[in-house]
Structure formats: structure tokens, C-alpha cells
Amino acid sequence: MGFNASYLAFHGVSREEILALMEFEDTGIRDAAREADFSIADMPTGWTIL
């Protein structure tokens, strides 16, 4: 068993704009087991990773 991983990195775009662009919504549920199809993270460097 393994993982496939891809990501999109955004800089200078708000989390809300990214979610709207991708037609996603934030559920507010933390996914510690990594079972969700998608995750989003705001980095301290100003980047947002999807």
C-alpha cells in the first residue's frame, strides 16, 4: 500500500479565493488519519497548499 500525492501551491491568493476557484468548501474537520480526498494548509511563509 502506498500514497499518491500531488499539490497546488498558491501565493498571494486567499484561502477563500482558492476554495471558490476550485469549487470546494472548508468543512472545518481536521483529518488526522489523512482519509480526505483533499486538504488545505496555510503556511507561515504566505503560501497556501492544496
N, C-alpha and C. Protein backbone atom coordinates (compact mmCIF):
# COMPACT_ATOMS: atom_id res chain seq x y z
N MET A 1 0.85 -1.17 0.00
CA MET A 1 0.00 0.00 0.00
C MET A 1 0.89 1.23 0.00
N GLY A 2 0.48 2.27 -0.70
CA GLY A 2 1.26 3.50 -0.75
C GLY A 2 0.37 4.71 -0.92
N PHE A 3 1.02 5.82 -1.15
CA PHE A 3 0.30 7.08 -1.32
C PHE A 3 0.68 7.69 -2.65
N ASN A 4 -0.28 8.28 -3.32
CA ASN A 4 -0.03 9.18 -4.44
C ASN A 4 -0.29 10.57 -3.92
N ALA A 5 0.60 11.49 -4.23
CA ALA A 5 0.43 12.85 -3.73
C ALA A 5 0.73 13.86 -4.82
N SER A 6 -0.12 14.83 -4.93
CA SER A 6 0.07 15.97 -5.81
C SER A 6 -0.35 17.19 -5.02
N TYR A 7 0.15 18.35 -5.40
CA TYR A 7 -0.28 19.54 -4.69
C TYR A 7 -0.29 20.74 -5.61
N LEU A 8 -1.07 21.71 -5.22
CA LEU A 8 -1.08 23.03 -5.85
C LEU A 8 -0.67 24.02 -4.78
N ALA A 9 0.23 24.92 -5.11
CA ALA A 9 0.70 25.92 -4.17
C ALA A 9 0.30 27.30 -4.70
N PHE A 10 -0.28 28.11 -3.83
CA PHE A 10 -0.75 29.45 -4.19
C PHE A 10 -0.07 30.47 -3.28
N HIS A 11 0.33 31.58 -3.86
CA HIS A 11 0.92 32.68 -3.07
C HIS A 11 0.20 33.96 -3.45
N GLY A 12 -0.20 34.73 -2.45
CA GLY A 12 -0.89 35.99 -2.73
C GLY A 12 -2.36 35.82 -3.05
N VAL A 13 -2.91 34.64 -2.78
CA VAL A 13 -4.33 34.37 -3.00
C VAL A 13 -4.89 33.88 -1.68
N SER A 14 -6.04 34.39 -1.29
CA SER A 14 -6.61 33.98 -0.01
C SER A 14 -7.17 32.56 -0.07
N ARG A 15 -7.27 31.95 1.07
CA ARG A 15 -7.84 30.60 1.19
C ARG A 15 -9.26 30.58 0.61
N GLU A 16 -10.04 31.61 0.92
CA GLU A 16 -11.41 31.69 0.43
C GLU A 16 -11.45 31.74 -1.10
N GLU A 17 -10.53 32.50 -1.71
CA GLU A 17 -10.48 32.58 -3.17
C GLU A 17 -10.10 31.23 -3.79
N ILE A 18 -9.16 30.55 -3.17
CA ILE A 18 -8.73 29.24 -3.68
C ILE A 18 -9.89 28.25 -3.61
N LEU A 19 -10.57 28.20 -2.47
CA LEU A 19 -11.69 27.27 -2.32
C LEU A 19 -12.79 27.58 -3.34
N ALA A 20 -13.08 28.87 -3.55
CA ALA A 20 -14.10 29.25 -4.53
C ALA A 20 -13.67 28.87 -5.94
N LEU A 21 -12.41 29.11 -6.27
CA LEU A 21 -11.88 28.78 -7.60
C LEU A 21 -12.00 27.29 -7.89
N MET A 22 -11.71 26.47 -6.88
CA MET A 22 -11.74 25.02 -7.05
C MET A 22 -13.15 24.44 -6.83
N GLU A 23 -14.09 25.29 -6.45
CA GLU A 23 -15.46 24.87 -6.13
C GLU A 23 -15.47 23.88 -4.97
N PHE A 24 -14.62 24.16 -3.96
CA PHE A 24 -14.55 23.37 -2.73
C PHE A 24 -15.12 24.20 -1.60
N GLU A 25 -15.41 23.55 -0.47
CA GLU A 25 -15.79 24.28 0.73
C GLU A 25 -15.03 23.69 1.91
N ASP A 26 -14.69 24.53 2.85
CA ASP A 26 -13.96 24.11 4.04
C ASP A 26 -14.95 23.49 5.02
N THR A 27 -14.75 22.23 5.37
CA THR A 27 -15.64 21.54 6.31
C THR A 27 -15.29 21.88 7.74
N GLY A 28 -14.06 22.36 7.98
CA GLY A 28 -13.63 22.65 9.33
C GLY A 28 -13.25 21.41 10.12
N ILE A 29 -13.23 20.26 9.48
CA ILE A 29 -12.91 19.00 10.15
C ILE A 29 -11.44 18.67 9.92
N ARG A 30 -10.70 18.48 11.01
CA ARG A 30 -9.29 18.08 10.90
C ARG A 30 -9.24 16.60 10.51
N ASP A 31 -8.32 16.26 9.62
CA ASP A 31 -8.22 14.90 9.10
C ASP A 31 -6.90 14.27 9.52
N ALA A 32 -6.79 13.92 10.80
CA ALA A 32 -5.55 13.37 11.34
C ALA A 32 -5.18 12.04 10.69
N ALA A 33 -6.17 11.28 10.24
CA ALA A 33 -5.92 9.97 9.62
C ALA A 33 -5.65 10.08 8.12
N ARG A 34 -5.71 11.29 7.58
CA ARG A 34 -5.45 11.54 6.15
C ARG A 34 -6.37 10.72 5.25
N GLU A 35 -7.65 10.72 5.57
CA GLU A 35 -8.63 9.97 4.79
C GLU A 35 -9.35 10.83 3.76
N ALA A 36 -9.24 12.15 3.87
CA ALA A 36 -9.94 13.04 2.94
C ALA A 36 -9.26 13.02 1.58
N ASP A 37 -10.05 13.29 0.55
CA ASP A 37 -9.50 13.37 -0.80
C ASP A 37 -8.63 14.61 -0.99
N PHE A 38 -8.96 15.69 -0.30
CA PHE A 38 -8.22 16.94 -0.43
C PHE A 38 -8.02 17.57 0.94
N SER A 39 -6.92 18.27 1.08
CA SER A 39 -6.63 19.04 2.29
C SER A 39 -6.08 20.39 1.88
N ILE A 40 -6.16 21.36 2.77
CA ILE A 40 -5.63 22.69 2.51
C ILE A 40 -4.85 23.15 3.74
N ALA A 41 -3.74 23.83 3.51
CA ALA A 41 -2.92 24.31 4.63
C ALA A 41 -2.37 25.69 4.30
N ASP A 42 -2.46 26.59 5.28
CA ASP A 42 -1.87 27.92 5.16
C ASP A 42 -0.49 27.86 5.81
N MET A 43 0.54 28.16 5.04
CA MET A 43 1.91 28.11 5.54
C MET A 43 2.32 29.48 6.09
N PRO A 44 3.21 29.52 7.06
CA PRO A 44 3.64 30.80 7.64
C PRO A 44 4.41 31.68 6.65
N THR A 45 4.82 31.12 5.53
CA THR A 45 5.58 31.86 4.51
C THR A 45 4.66 32.62 3.55
N GLY A 46 3.34 32.47 3.75
CA GLY A 46 2.39 33.15 2.87
C GLY A 46 1.83 32.27 1.77
N TRP A 47 2.32 31.06 1.67
CA TRP A 47 1.82 30.12 0.67
C TRP A 47 0.64 29.35 1.24
N THR A 48 -0.29 28.96 0.37
CA THR A 48 -1.39 28.07 0.75
C THR A 48 -1.26 26.83 -0.14
N ILE A 49 -1.27 25.67 0.46
CA ILE A 49 -1.08 24.40 -0.23
C ILE A 49 -2.39 23.64 -0.25
N LEU A 50 -2.75 23.16 -1.43
CA LEU A 50 -3.98 22.36 -1.60
C LEU A 50 -3.57 21.01 -2.11
